[in-house]
PDB file of N, CA and C in Angstrom:
ATOM      1  N   MET A   1      46.970  67.342  65.361  1.00  0.00           N
ATOM      2  CA  MET A   1      46.424  67.119  64.225  1.00  0.00           C
ATOM      3  C   MET A   1      45.340  66.423  64.121  1.00  0.00           C
ATOM      4  N   ASN A   2      45.406  65.126  64.609  1.00  0.00           N
ATOM      5  CA  ASN A   2      44.263  64.169  64.702  1.00  0.00           C
ATOM      6  C   ASN A   2      44.473  63.286  65.991  1.00  0.00           C
ATOM      7  N   ASP A   3      43.323  62.765  66.394  1.00  0.00           N
ATOM      8  CA  ASP A   3      43.432  62.025  67.591  1.00  0.00           C
ATOM      9  C   ASP A   3      43.544  60.382  67.603  1.00  0.00           C
ATOM     10  N   LYS A   4      43.910  60.046  66.203  1.00  0.00           N
ATOM     11  CA  LYS A   4      44.185  58.487  66.042  1.00  0.00           C
ATOM     12  C   LYS A   4      45.380  57.967  66.678  1.00  0.00           C
ATOM     13  N   ALA A   5      45.380  56.793  67.282  1.00  0.00           N
ATOM     14  CA  ALA A   5      46.510  56.059  67.832  1.00  0.00           C
ATOM     15  C   ALA A   5      47.651  55.878  66.585  1.00  0.00           C
ATOM     16  N   ASN A   6      48.854  55.946  67.040  1.00  0.00           N
ATOM     17  CA  ASN A   6      49.970  55.840  66.211  1.00  0.00           C
ATOM     18  C   ASN A   6      50.014  54.435  65.390  1.00  0.00           C
ATOM     19  N   ASP A   7      49.268  53.465  65.874  1.00  0.00           N
ATOM     20  CA  ASP A   7      49.204  52.236  65.148  1.00  0.00           C
ATOM     21  C   ASP A   7      47.923  52.053  64.188  1.00  0.00           C
ATOM     22  N   ALA A   8      46.968  53.157  64.087  1.00  0.00           N
ATOM     23  CA  ALA A   8      45.848  53.109  63.533  1.00  0.00           C
ATOM     24  C   ALA A   8      46.201  53.328  61.913  1.00  0.00           C
ATOM     25  N   PHE A   9      45.208  52.769  61.167  1.00  0.00           N
ATOM     26  CA  PHE A   9      45.339  53.050  59.848  1.00  0.00           C
ATOM     27  C   PHE A   9      45.056  54.564  59.493  1.00  0.00           C
ATOM     28  N   LYS A  10      45.850  54.972  58.415  1.00  0.00           N
ATOM     29  CA  LYS A  10      45.507  56.459  57.961  1.00  0.00           C
ATOM     30  C   LYS A  10      45.040  56.561  56.549  1.00  0.00           C
ATOM     31  N   THR A  11      44.367  57.493  56.313  1.00  0.00           N
ATOM     32  CA  THR A  11      43.977  57.891  55.079  1.00  0.00           C
ATOM     33  C   THR A  11      45.088  58.460  54.313  1.00  0.00           C
ATOM     34  N   ILE A  12      44.925  58.627  52.815  1.00  0.00           N
ATOM     35  CA  ILE A  12      45.939  59.310  52.090  1.00  0.00           C
ATOM     36  C   ILE A  12      45.960  60.802  52.459  1.00  0.00           C
ATOM     37  N   SER A  13      44.936  61.314  52.757  1.00  0.00           N
ATOM     38  CA  SER A  13      44.858  62.745  52.954  1.00  0.00           C
ATOM     39  C   SER A  13      45.687  63.025  54.463  1.00  0.00           C
ATOM     40  N   GLU A  14      45.387  62.124  55.433  1.00  0.00           N
ATOM     41  CA  GLU A  14      46.265  62.094  56.768  1.00  0.00           C
ATOM     42  C   GLU A  14      47.629  61.971  56.553  1.00  0.00           C
ATOM     43  N   VAL A  15      48.018  60.972  55.679  1.00  0.00           N
ATOM     44  CA  VAL A  15      49.456  60.736  55.484  1.00  0.00           C
ATOM     45  C   VAL A  15      50.079  61.960  54.640  1.00  0.00           C
ATOM     46  N   SER A  16      49.337  62.478  53.704  1.00  0.00           N
ATOM     47  CA  SER A  16      49.774  63.610  52.824  1.00  0.00           C
ATOM     48  C   SER A  16      50.156  64.895  53.828  1.00  0.00           C
ATOM     49  N   ALA A  17      49.182  65.041  54.845  1.00  0.00           N
ATOM     50  CA  ALA A  17      49.430  66.166  55.621  1.00  0.00           C
ATOM     51  C   ALA A  17      50.525  65.777  56.738  1.00  0.00           C
ATOM     52  N   LEU A  18      50.688  64.631  57.156  1.00  0.00           N
ATOM     53  CA  LEU A  18      51.648  64.114  58.018  1.00  0.00           C
ATOM     54  C   LEU A  18      52.903  64.457  57.514  1.00  0.00           C
ATOM     55  N   LEU A  19      53.180  63.947  56.201  1.00  0.00           N
ATOM     56  CA  LEU A  19      54.443  64.044  55.552  1.00  0.00           C
ATOM     57  C   LEU A  19      54.804  65.299  54.773  1.00  0.00           C
ATOM     58  N   ASP A  20      53.677  66.269  54.615  1.00  0.00           N
ATOM     59  CA  ASP A  20      53.892  67.473  53.895  1.00  0.00           C
ATOM     60  C   ASP A  20      54.247  67.071  52.364  1.00  0.00           C
ATOM     61  N   VAL A  21      53.454  66.053  51.797  1.00  0.00           N
ATOM     62  CA  VAL A  21      53.620  65.581  50.464  1.00  0.00           C
ATOM     63  C   VAL A  21      52.210  65.608  49.762  1.00  0.00           C
ATOM     64  N   PRO A  22      52.039  66.088  48.479  1.00  0.00           N
ATOM     65  CA  PRO A  22      50.829  65.856  47.846  1.00  0.00           C
ATOM     66  C   PRO A  22      50.371  64.547  47.716  1.00  0.00           C
ATOM     67  N   GLN A  23      49.083  64.216  47.771  1.00  0.00           N
ATOM     68  CA  GLN A  23      48.443  63.031  47.592  1.00  0.00           C
ATOM     69  C   GLN A  23      48.970  62.395  46.345  1.00  0.00           C
ATOM     70  N   HIS A  24      49.009  63.074  45.106  1.00  0.00           N
ATOM     71  CA  HIS A  24      49.435  62.581  43.837  1.00  0.00           C
ATOM     72  C   HIS A  24      50.909  61.978  43.800  1.00  0.00           C
ATOM     73  N   VAL A  25      51.709  62.579  44.806  1.00  0.00           N
ATOM     74  CA  VAL A  25      53.073  61.988  44.828  1.00  0.00           C
ATOM     75  C   VAL A  25      53.100  60.728  45.566  1.00  0.00           C
ATOM     76  N   LEU A  26      52.122  60.498  46.688  1.00  0.00           N
ATOM     77  CA  LEU A  26      52.133  59.295  47.280  1.00  0.00           C
ATOM     78  C   LEU A  26      51.543  58.266  46.413  1.00  0.00           C
ATOM     79  N   ARG A  27      50.589  58.473  45.594  1.00  0.00           N
ATOM     80  CA  ARG A  27      50.187  57.609  44.714  1.00  0.00           C
ATOM     81  C   ARG A  27      51.292  57.206  43.618  1.00  0.00           C
ATOM     82  N   PHE A  28      52.060  58.186  43.244  1.00  0.00           N
ATOM     83  CA  PHE A  28      53.247  57.904  42.245  1.00  0.00           C
ATOM     84  C   PHE A  28      54.087  56.959  42.872  1.00  0.00           C
ATOM     85  N   TRP A  29      54.491  57.249  44.171  1.00  0.00           N
ATOM     86  CA  TRP A  29      55.422  56.418  44.992  1.00  0.00           C
ATOM     87  C   TRP A  29      54.902  55.041  45.051  1.00  0.00           C
ATOM     88  N   GLU A  30      53.703  54.926  45.229  1.00  0.00           N
ATOM     89  CA  GLU A  30      53.190  53.402  45.280  1.00  0.00           C
ATOM     90  C   GLU A  30      53.567  52.681  43.961  1.00  0.00           C
ATOM     91  N   SER A  31      53.446  53.366  42.863  1.00  0.00           N
ATOM     92  CA  SER A  31      53.792  52.698  41.637  1.00  0.00           C
ATOM     93  C   SER A  31      55.281  52.377  41.372  1.00  0.00           C
ATOM     94  N   LYS A  32      56.139  53.234  42.187  1.00  0.00           N
ATOM     95  CA  LYS A  32      57.489  52.980  42.063  1.00  0.00           C
ATOM     96  C   LYS A  32      58.137  52.018  43.105  1.00  0.00           C
ATOM     97  N   PHE A  33      57.563  51.828  44.254  1.00  0.00           N
ATOM     98  CA  PHE A  33      58.087  51.211  45.366  1.00  0.00           C
ATOM     99  C   PHE A  33      57.016  50.044  45.492  1.00  0.00           C
ATOM    100  N   SER A  34      57.601  48.777  45.265  1.00  0.00           N
ATOM    101  CA  SER A  34      56.681  47.664  45.394  1.00  0.00           C
ATOM    102  C   SER A  34      56.521  47.416  47.050  1.00  0.00           C
ATOM    103  N   SER A  35      57.358  47.764  47.776  1.00  0.00           N
ATOM    104  CA  SER A  35      56.985  47.564  49.320  1.00  0.00           C
ATOM    105  C   SER A  35      55.849  48.435  49.711  1.00  0.00           C
ATOM    106  N   LEU A  36      55.386  49.296  49.026  1.00  0.00           N
ATOM    107  CA  LEU A  36      54.096  50.049  49.479  1.00  0.00           C
ATOM    108  C   LEU A  36      52.983  49.562  48.993  1.00  0.00           C
ATOM    109  N   ARG A  37      52.151  49.049  49.676  1.00  0.00           N
ATOM    110  CA  ARG A  37      50.909  48.571  49.218  1.00  0.00           C
ATOM    111  C   ARG A  37      49.720  48.687  50.340  1.00  0.00           C
ATOM    112  N   PRO A  38      49.245  49.911  50.324  1.00  0.00           N
ATOM    113  CA  PRO A  38      48.184  50.359  51.186  1.00  0.00           C
ATOM    114  C   PRO A  38      46.976  49.556  51.089  1.00  0.00           C
ATOM    115  N   LEU A  39      46.164  49.325  51.991  1.00  0.00           N
ATOM    116  CA  LEU A  39      45.013  48.633  51.822  1.00  0.00           C
ATOM    117  C   LEU A  39      44.080  49.496  51.184  1.00  0.00           C
ATOM    118  N   LYS A  40      43.377  48.757  50.288  1.00  0.00           N
ATOM    119  CA  LYS A  40      42.457  49.499  49.342  1.00  0.00           C
ATOM    120  C   LYS A  40      40.946  49.099  49.441  1.00  0.00           C
ATOM    121  N   ARG A  41      39.987  49.925  49.899  1.00  0.00           N
ATOM    122  CA  ARG A  41      38.740  49.668  50.147  1.00  0.00           C
ATOM    123  C   ARG A  41      37.866  49.956  48.958  1.00  0.00           C
ATOM    124  N   SER A  42      36.579  49.611  49.069  1.00  0.00           N
ATOM    125  CA  SER A  42      35.677  49.966  48.040  1.00  0.00           C
ATOM    126  C   SER A  42      35.907  51.525  47.638  1.00  0.00           C
ATOM    127  N   GLY A  43      35.774  51.560  46.249  1.00  0.00           N
ATOM    128  CA  GLY A  43      35.793  53.149  45.816  1.00  0.00           C
ATOM    129  C   GLY A  43      37.216  53.449  45.631  1.00  0.00           C
ATOM    130  N   GLY A  44      38.238  52.556  46.070  1.00  0.00           N
ATOM    131  CA  GLY A  44      39.661  52.816  45.800  1.00  0.00           C
ATOM    132  C   GLY A  44      40.348  53.581  47.053  1.00  0.00           C
ATOM    133  N   ARG A  45      39.362  53.759  48.106  1.00  0.00           N
ATOM    134  CA  ARG A  45      40.069  54.424  49.253  1.00  0.00           C
ATOM    135  C   ARG A  45      41.276  53.826  49.724  1.00  0.00           C
ATOM    136  N   ARG A  46      42.518  54.565  49.925  1.00  0.00           N
ATOM    137  CA  ARG A  46      43.677  54.036  50.614  1.00  0.00           C
ATOM    138  C   ARG A  46      43.587  53.985  51.963  1.00  0.00           C
ATOM    139  N   TYR A  47      44.244  52.971  52.745  1.00  0.00           N
ATOM    140  CA  TYR A  47      44.257  53.063  54.139  1.00  0.00           C
ATOM    141  C   TYR A  47      45.833  52.634  54.423  1.00  0.00           C
ATOM    142  N   TYR A  48      46.518  53.614  55.042  1.00  0.00           N
ATOM    143  CA  TYR A  48      48.097  53.242  55.145  1.00  0.00           C
ATOM    144  C   TYR A  48      48.324  52.546  56.449  1.00  0.00           C
ATOM    145  N   ARG A  49      48.980  51.436  56.512  1.00  0.00           N
ATOM    146  CA  ARG A  49      49.336  50.800  57.703  1.00  0.00           C
ATOM    147  C   ARG A  49      50.479  51.637  58.438  1.00  0.00           C
ATOM    148  N   PRO A  50      50.839  51.356  59.602  1.00  0.00           N
ATOM    149  CA  PRO A  50      51.984  52.094  60.195  1.00  0.00           C
ATOM    150  C   PRO A  50      53.291  51.773  59.567  1.00  0.00           C
ATOM    151  N   ASP A  51      53.403  50.503  58.977  1.00  0.00           N
ATOM    152  CA  ASP A  51      54.617  49.993  58.484  1.00  0.00           C
ATOM    153  C   ASP A  51      54.700  50.967  57.044  1.00  0.00           C
ATOM    154  N   ASP A  52      53.480  51.138  56.392  1.00  0.00           N
ATOM    155  CA  ASP A  52      53.605  51.799  55.165  1.00  0.00           C
ATOM    156  C   ASP A  52      54.004  53.269  55.344  1.00  0.00           C
ATOM    157  N   VAL A  53      53.341  53.906  56.521  1.00  0.00           N
ATOM    158  CA  VAL A  53      53.767  55.200  56.826  1.00  0.00           C
ATOM    159  C   VAL A  53      55.284  55.481  57.039  1.00  0.00           C
ATOM    160  N   ALA A  54      55.855  54.287  57.805  1.00  0.00           N
ATOM    161  CA  ALA A  54      57.325  54.300  57.900  1.00  0.00           C
ATOM    162  C   ALA A  54      58.209  54.273  56.807  1.00  0.00           C
ATOM    163  N   VAL A  55      57.799  53.550  55.730  1.00  0.00           N
ATOM    164  CA  VAL A  55      58.373  53.328  54.517  1.00  0.00           C
ATOM    165  C   VAL A  55      58.255  54.762  53.755  1.00  0.00           C
ATOM    166  N   LEU A  56      57.058  55.325  53.790  1.00  0.00           N
ATOM    167  CA  LEU A  56      56.976  56.661  53.102  1.00  0.00           C
ATOM    168  C   LEU A  56      57.715  57.669  53.762  1.00  0.00           C
ATOM    169  N   ARG A  57      57.896  57.614  55.012  1.00  0.00           N
ATOM    170  CA  ARG A  57      58.939  58.613  55.880  1.00  0.00           C
ATOM    171  C   ARG A  57      60.315  58.519  55.209  1.00  0.00           C
ATOM    172  N   ARG A  58      60.612  57.291  55.175  1.00  0.00           N
ATOM    173  CA  ARG A  58      62.000  56.831  54.650  1.00  0.00           C
ATOM    174  C   ARG A  58      62.220  57.279  53.141  1.00  0.00           C
ATOM    175  N   ILE A  59      61.169  57.089  52.438  1.00  0.00           N
ATOM    176  CA  ILE A  59      61.315  57.467  50.848  1.00  0.00           C
ATOM    177  C   ILE A  59      61.448  58.899  50.847  1.00  0.00           C
ATOM    178  N   ARG A  60      60.597  59.647  51.744  1.00  0.00           N
ATOM    179  CA  ARG A  60      60.474  61.174  51.816  1.00  0.00           C
ATOM    180  C   ARG A  60      61.914  61.641  52.054  1.00  0.00           C
ATOM    181  N   GLN A  61      62.513  61.032  52.963  1.00  0.00           N
ATOM    182  CA  GLN A  61      63.846  61.491  53.513  1.00  0.00           C
ATOM    183  C   GLN A  61      64.939  61.179  52.473  1.00  0.00           C
ATOM    184  N   LEU A  62      64.900  60.079  51.796  1.00  0.00           N
ATOM    185  CA  LEU A  62      65.822  59.878  50.739  1.00  0.00           C
ATOM    186  C   LEU A  62      65.834  60.797  49.586  1.00  0.00           C
ATOM    187  N   LEU A  63      64.500  61.028  49.112  1.00  0.00           N
ATOM    188  CA  LEU A  63      64.297  61.843  47.913  1.00  0.00           C
ATOM    189  C   LEU A  63      64.537  63.336  48.312  1.00  0.00           C
ATOM    190  N   TYR A  64      63.873  63.893  49.257  1.00  0.00           N
ATOM    191  CA  TYR A  64      63.629  65.275  49.477  1.00  0.00           C
ATOM    192  C   TYR A  64      64.881  65.871  50.402  1.00  0.00           C
ATOM    193  N   VAL A  65      65.357  65.059  51.086  1.00  0.00           N
ATOM    194  CA  VAL A  65      66.396  65.497  52.135  1.00  0.00           C
ATOM    195  C   VAL A  65      67.845  65.037  51.562  1.00  0.00           C
ATOM    196  N   ASP A  66      68.029  63.668  51.385  1.00  0.00           N
ATOM    197  CA  ASP A  66      69.227  63.180  51.134  1.00  0.00           C
ATOM    198  C   ASP A  66      69.689  63.413  49.482  1.00  0.00           C
ATOM    199  N   GLY A  67      68.508  63.748  48.748  1.00  0.00           N
ATOM    200  CA  GLY A  67      68.862  63.919  47.465  1.00  0.00           C
ATOM    201  C   GLY A  67      69.018  62.828  46.425  1.00  0.00           C
ATOM    202  N   PHE A  68      68.478  61.606  46.888  1.00  0.00           N
ATOM    203  CA  PHE A  68      68.513  60.560  45.927  1.00  0.00           C
ATOM    204  C   PHE A  68      67.648  60.625  44.940  1.00  0.00           C
ATOM    205  N   THR A  69      67.982  59.822  43.836  1.00  0.00           N
ATOM    206  CA  THR A  69      67.008  59.800  42.499  1.00  0.00           C
ATOM    207  C   THR A  69      65.907  58.765  43.090  1.00  0.00           C
ATOM    208  N   ILE A  70      64.975  58.394  42.250  1.00  0.00           N
ATOM    209  CA  ILE A  70      63.912  57.325  42.461  1.00  0.00           C
ATOM    210  C   ILE A  70      64.678  56.078  42.486  1.00  0.00           C
ATOM    211  N   LYS A  71      65.593  55.760  41.347  1.00  0.00           N
ATOM    212  CA  LYS A  71      66.183  54.487  41.393  1.00  0.00           C
ATOM    213  C   LYS A  71      67.139  54.330  42.518  1.00  0.00           C
ATOM    214  N   GLY A  72      67.769  55.206  42.961  1.00  0.00           N
ATOM    215  CA  GLY A  72      68.814  55.207  44.247  1.00  0.00           C
ATOM    216  C   GLY A  72      67.886  54.811  45.351  1.00  0.00           C
ATOM    217  N   ALA A  73      66.839  55.518  45.589  1.00  0.00           N
ATOM    218  CA  ALA A  73      65.929  55.443  46.830  1.00  0.00           C
ATOM    219  C   ALA A  73      65.390  53.891  46.751  1.00  0.00           C
ATOM    220  N   GLN A  74      64.988  53.482  45.497  1.00  0.00           N
ATOM    221  CA  GLN A  74      64.459  52.049  45.202  1.00  0.00           C
ATOM    222  C   GLN A  74      65.420  50.952  45.798  1.00  0.00           C
ATOM    223  N   LYS A  75      66.677  51.130  45.446  1.00  0.00           N
ATOM    224  CA  LYS A  75      67.700  50.363  45.811  1.00  0.00           C
ATOM    225  C   LYS A  75      67.969  50.480  47.469  1.00  0.00           C
ATOM    226  N   LEU A  76      67.912  51.485  48.059  1.00  0.00           N
ATOM    227  CA  LEU A  76      68.217  51.541  49.467  1.00  0.00           C
ATOM    228  C   LEU A  76      66.874  51.131  50.106  1.00  0.00           C
ATOM    229  N   VAL A  77      65.617  51.220  49.587  1.00  0.00           N
ATOM    230  CA  VAL A  77      64.596  50.783  50.400  1.00  0.00           C
ATOM    231  C   VAL A  77      64.571  49.223  50.314  1.00  0.00           C
ATOM    232  N   ARG A  78      64.915  48.793  49.086  1.00  0.00           N
ATOM    233  CA  ARG A  78      64.981  47.260  48.847  1.00  0.00           C
ATOM    234  C   ARG A  78      65.982  46.713  49.786  1.00  0.00           C
ATOM    235  N   SER A  79      66.986  47.255  49.918  1.00  0.00           N
ATOM    236  CA  SER A  79      68.234  46.781  50.731  1.00  0.00           C
ATOM    237  C   SER A  79      67.797  46.973  52.262  1.00  0.00           C
ATOM    238  N   LYS A  80      67.191  47.883  52.553  1.00  0.00           N
ATOM    239  CA  LYS A  80      66.640  48.234  53.965  1.00  0.00           C
ATOM    240  C   LYS A  80      65.620  47.090  54.298  1.00  0.00           C
ATOM    241  N   LYS A  81      64.922  46.614  53.327  1.00  0.00           N
ATOM    242  CA  LYS A  81      63.815  45.591  53.620  1.00  0.00           C
ATOM    243  C   LYS A  81      64.544  44.383  53.787  1.00  0.00           C
ATOM    244  N   ALA A  82      65.452  43.937  53.037  1.00  0.00           N
ATOM    245  CA  ALA A  82      66.290  42.857  53.068  1.00  0.00           C
ATOM    246  C   ALA A  82      67.107  42.876  54.329  1.00  0.00           C
ATOM    247  N   ALA A  83      67.452  43.985  54.830  1.00  0.00           N
ATOM    248  CA  ALA A  83      68.361  43.984  56.024  1.00  0.00           C
ATOM    249  C   ALA A  83      67.648  43.782  57.388  1.00  0.00           C
ATOM    250  N   THR A  84      66.266  43.948  57.113  1.00  0.00           N
ATOM    251  CA  THR A  84      65.621  43.810  58.365  1.00  0.00           C
ATOM    252  C   THR A  84      65.270  42.373  58.560  1.00  0.00           C
ATOM    253  N   LYS A  85      65.472  41.409  57.643  1.00  0.00           N
ATOM    254  CA  LYS A  85      65.421  40.042  57.815  1.00  0.00           C
ATOM    255  C   LYS A  85      66.574  39.439  58.492  1.00  0.00           C
ATOM    256  N   PRO A  86      66.442  38.617  59.629  1.00  0.00           N
ATOM    257  CA  PRO A  86      67.674  38.103  60.242  1.00  0.00           C
ATOM    258  C   PRO A  86      68.427  37.417  59.528  1.00  0.00           C
ATOM    259  N   SER A  87      69.732  37.524  59.229  1.00  0.00           N
ATOM    260  CA  SER A  87      70.691  36.892  58.399  1.00  0.00           C
ATOM    261  C   SER A  87      72.107  36.992  58.826  1.00  0.00           C
ATOM    262  N   ALA A  88      72.849  36.269  58.431  1.00  0.00           N
ATOM    263  CA  ALA A  88      74.446  36.420  58.768  1.00  0.00           C
ATOM    264  C   ALA A  88      74.928  37.683  58.224  1.00  0.00           C
ATOM    265  N   PRO A  89      75.830  38.247  58.642  1.00  0.00           N
ATOM    266  CA  PRO A  89      76.507  39.573  58.108  1.00  0.00           C
ATOM    267  C   PRO A  89      76.930  39.247  56.659  1.00  0.00           C
ATOM    268  N   ALA A  90      76.779  40.101  55.883  1.00  0.00           N
ATOM    269  CA  ALA A  90      77.102  39.937  54.423  1.00  0.00           C
ATOM    270  C   ALA A  90      78.498  40.275  54.180  1.00  0.00           C
ATOM    271  N   THR A  91      79.228  39.367  53.467  1.00  0.00           N
ATOM    272  CA  THR A  91      80.469  39.644  53.188  1.00  0.00           C
ATOM    273  C   THR A  91      80.646  39.724  51.618  1.00  0.00           C
ATOM    274  N   ALA A  92      81.678  40.233  51.005  1.00  0.00           N
ATOM    275  CA  ALA A  92      81.770  40.283  49.534  1.00  0.00           C
ATOM    276  C   ALA A  92      81.526  38.696  48.928  1.00  0.00           C
ATOM    277  N   SER A  93      82.140  37.808  49.668  1.00  0.00           N
ATOM    278  CA  SER A  93      82.154  36.484  49.063  1.00  0.00           C
ATOM    279  C   SER A  93      80.648  35.652  49.336  1.00  0.00           C
ATOM    280  N   SER A  94      79.782  36.353  50.167  1.00  0.00           N
ATOM    281  CA  SER A  94      78.410  35.776  50.446  1.00  0.00           C
ATOM    282  C   SER A  94      77.368  36.448  49.664  1.00  0.00           C
ATOM    283  N   LEU A  95      77.856  37.544  48.899  1.00  0.00           N
ATOM    284  CA  LEU A  95      76.720  38.359  48.261  1.00  0.00           C
ATOM    285  C   LEU A  95      76.508  37.728  46.790  1.00  0.00           C
ATOM    286  N   SER A  96      75.431  37.648  46.172  1.00  0.00           N
ATOM    287  CA  SER A  96      75.182  37.202  44.840  1.00  0.00           C
ATOM    288  C   SER A  96      75.825  38.261  43.914  1.00  0.00           C
ATOM    289  N   GLY A  97      75.906  37.921  42.686  1.00  0.00           N
ATOM    290  CA  GLY A  97      76.513  38.821  41.742  1.00  0.00           C
ATOM    291  C   GLY A  97      75.538  40.071  41.639  1.00  0.00           C
ATOM    292  N   LYS A  98      74.343  39.933  41.620  1.00  0.00           N
ATOM    293  CA  LYS A  98      73.363  40.954  41.617  1.00  0.00           C
ATOM    294  C   LYS A  98      73.318  41.885  42.832  1.00  0.00           C
ATOM    295  N   ASP A  99      73.352  41.191  44.081  1.00  0.00           N
ATOM    296  CA  ASP A  99      73.553  41.967  45.337  1.00  0.00           C
ATOM    297  C   ASP A  99      74.800  42.748  45.268  1.00  0.00           C
ATOM    298  N   LEU A 100      75.919  42.042  44.913  1.00  0.00           N
ATOM    299  CA  LEU A 100      77.316  42.822  44.811  1.00  0.00           C
ATOM    300  C   LEU A 100      77.170  43.987  43.899  1.00  0.00           C
ATOM    301  N   ALA A 101      76.680  43.915  42.730  1.00  0.00           N
ATOM    302  CA  ALA A 101      76.513  44.968  41.764  1.00  0.00           C
ATOM    303  C   ALA A 101      75.549  46.072  42.477  1.00  0.00           C
ATOM    304  N   ALA A 102      74.617  45.791  43.129  1.00  0.00           N
ATOM    305  CA  ALA A 102      73.807  46.859  43.623  1.00  0.00           C
ATOM    306  C   ALA A 102      74.461  47.533  44.750  1.00  0.00           C
ATOM    307  N   ALA A 103      75.322  46.862  45.645  1.00  0.00           N
ATOM    308  CA  ALA A 103      76.162  47.432  46.715  1.00  0.00           C
ATOM    309  C   ALA A 103      76.997  48.281  46.034  1.00  0.00           C
ATOM    310  N   MET A 104      77.839  47.878  45.057  1.00  0.00           N
ATOM    311  CA  MET A 104      78.803  48.673  44.473  1.00  0.00           C
ATOM    312  C   MET A 104      78.301  49.951  43.795  1.00  0.00           C
ATOM    313  N   ALA A 105      77.098  49.746  43.306  1.00  0.00           N
ATOM    314  CA  ALA A 105      76.390  50.951  42.711  1.00  0.00           C
ATOM    315  C   ALA A 105      76.091  51.894  43.799  1.00  0.00           C
ATOM    316  N   MET A 106      75.605  51.443  44.753  1.00  0.00           N
ATOM    317  CA  MET A 106      75.294  52.379  45.922  1.00  0.00           C
ATOM    318  C   MET A 106      76.450  52.984  46.453  1.00  0.00           C
ATOM    319  N   LEU A 107      77.663  52.344  46.660  1.00  0.00           N
ATOM    320  CA  LEU A 107      78.864  52.854  47.138  1.00  0.00           C
ATOM    321  C   LEU A 107      79.434  53.864  46.193  1.00  0.00           C
ATOM    322  N   ASN A 108      79.386  53.493  44.944  1.00  0.00           N
ATOM    323  CA  ASN A 108      79.758  54.647  43.925  1.00  0.00           C
ATOM    324  C   ASN A 108      78.898  55.843  43.991  1.00  0.00           C
ATOM    325  N   ASP A 109      77.653  55.616  44.173  1.00  0.00           N
ATOM    326  CA  ASP A 109      76.667  56.863  44.214  1.00  0.00           C
ATOM    327  C   ASP A 109      77.309  57.748  45.480  1.00  0.00           C
ATOM    328  N   VAL A 110      77.473  57.098  46.483  1.00  0.00           N
ATOM    329  CA  VAL A 110      77.724  57.773  47.933  1.00  0.00           C
ATOM    330  C   VAL A 110      79.227  58.429  47.498  1.00  0.00           C
ATOM    331  N   LYS A 111      80.138  57.784  46.860  1.00  0.00           N
ATOM    332  CA  LYS A 111      81.409  58.407  46.631  1.00  0.00           C
ATOM    333  C   LYS A 111      81.262  59.666  45.817  1.00  0.00           C
ATOM    334  N   THR A 112      80.448  59.421  44.673  1.00  0.00           N
ATOM    335  CA  THR A 112      80.180  60.601  43.698  1.00  0.00           C
ATOM    336  C   THR A 112      79.744  61.818  44.542  1.00  0.00           C
ATOM    337  N   ARG A 113      78.663  61.590  45.396  1.00  0.00           N
ATOM    338  CA  ARG A 113      78.032  62.627  46.230  1.00  0.00           C
ATOM    339  C   ARG A 113      79.031  63.275  47.108  1.00  0.00           C
ATOM    340  N   LEU A 114      80.028  62.415  47.886  1.00  0.00           N
ATOM    341  CA  LEU A 114      80.864  62.953  48.700  1.00  0.00           C
ATOM    342  C   LEU A 114      81.937  63.628  47.878  1.00  0.00           C
ATOM    343  N   ALA A 115      82.375  63.363  46.697  1.00  0.00           N
ATOM    344  CA  ALA A 115      83.296  64.161  45.985  1.00  0.00           C
ATOM    345  C   ALA A 115      82.714  65.511  45.506  1.00  0.00           C
ATOM    346  N   ALA A 116      81.536  65.511  45.278  1.00  0.00           N
ATOM    347  CA  ALA A 116      80.631  66.763  44.984  1.00  0.00           C
ATOM    348  C   ALA A 116      80.521  67.721  46.094  1.00  0.00           C
ATOM    349  N   LEU A 117      80.237  66.989  47.155  1.00  0.00           N
ATOM    350  CA  LEU A 117      80.211  67.786  48.562  1.00  0.00           C
ATOM    351  C   LEU A 117      81.568  68.442  48.760  1.00  0.00           C
ATOM    352  N   LYS A 118      82.620  67.823  48.679  1.00  0.00           N
ATOM    353  CA  LYS A 118      83.973  68.224  49.033  1.00  0.00           C
ATOM    354  C   LYS A 118      84.418  69.221  48.004  1.00  0.00           C
ATOM    355  N   GLN A 119      84.036  69.153  46.774  1.00  0.00           N
ATOM    356  CA  GLN A 119      84.268  70.183  45.805  1.00  0.00           C
ATOM    357  C   GLN A 119      83.448  71.508  46.113  1.00  0.00           C
ATOM    358  N   GLN A 120      82.405  71.309  46.543  1.00  0.00           N
ATOM    359  CA  GLN A 120      81.535  72.534  46.967  1.00  0.00           C
ATOM    360  C   GLN A 120      82.146  73.167  48.203  1.00  0.00           C
ATOM    361  N   LEU A 121      82.732  72.467  49.094  1.00  0.00           N
ATOM    362  CA  LEU A 121      83.211  72.957  50.290  1.00  0.00           C
ATOM    363  C   LEU A 121      84.490  73.726  50.152  1.00  0.00           C
ATOM    364  N   ASN A 122      85.158  73.318  48.967  1.00  0.00           N
ATOM    365  CA  ASN A 122      86.544  73.862  48.635  1.00  0.00           C
ATOM    366  C   ASN A 122      86.486  75.018  47.962  1.00  0.00           C
ATOM    367  N   HIS A 123      85.289  75.362  47.426  1.00  0.00           N
ATOM    368  CA  HIS A 123      84.980  76.565  46.594  1.00  0.00           C
ATOM    369  C   HIS A 123      84.476  77.661  47.305  1.00  0.00           C
TER     370      HIS A 123
END
C-alpha cells in the first residue's frame, strides 16, 4: 500500500484506507473518544500517531466486529487505557463506586449478548 515505516505518522486518508473506514467516520470517532487526539497541522491536516492507529483499530473491532454501541466501546476503550497503567489487580472492594458501576454495566452487556447468542443458536 505505502512504503512508510510502521512507526511513522499517517494521514487521515492513509488510516482510512488501512482500516477500510471512511474519513468522516474517523473524524466522528475523534469527537466520541477522548483518547483520540491526532496531531493537527496548519489547515487542519490530521497526522495519526501509531498509538492513535492502534486505538482506531480497537474501536473499529469493537463497533464493526464485536457489535458494541458507541457508549459500550467508549467504556471499553477507557477501561483498556486504565488497564495499561501499572497497578494492583482490581478487586470489588478496591474499585470506586463509579468504576464498579461501569464494570457491572459492561458485565451485564456481555451477559445480555451471550443470552441473545444462546437463543439464536437454539433456534
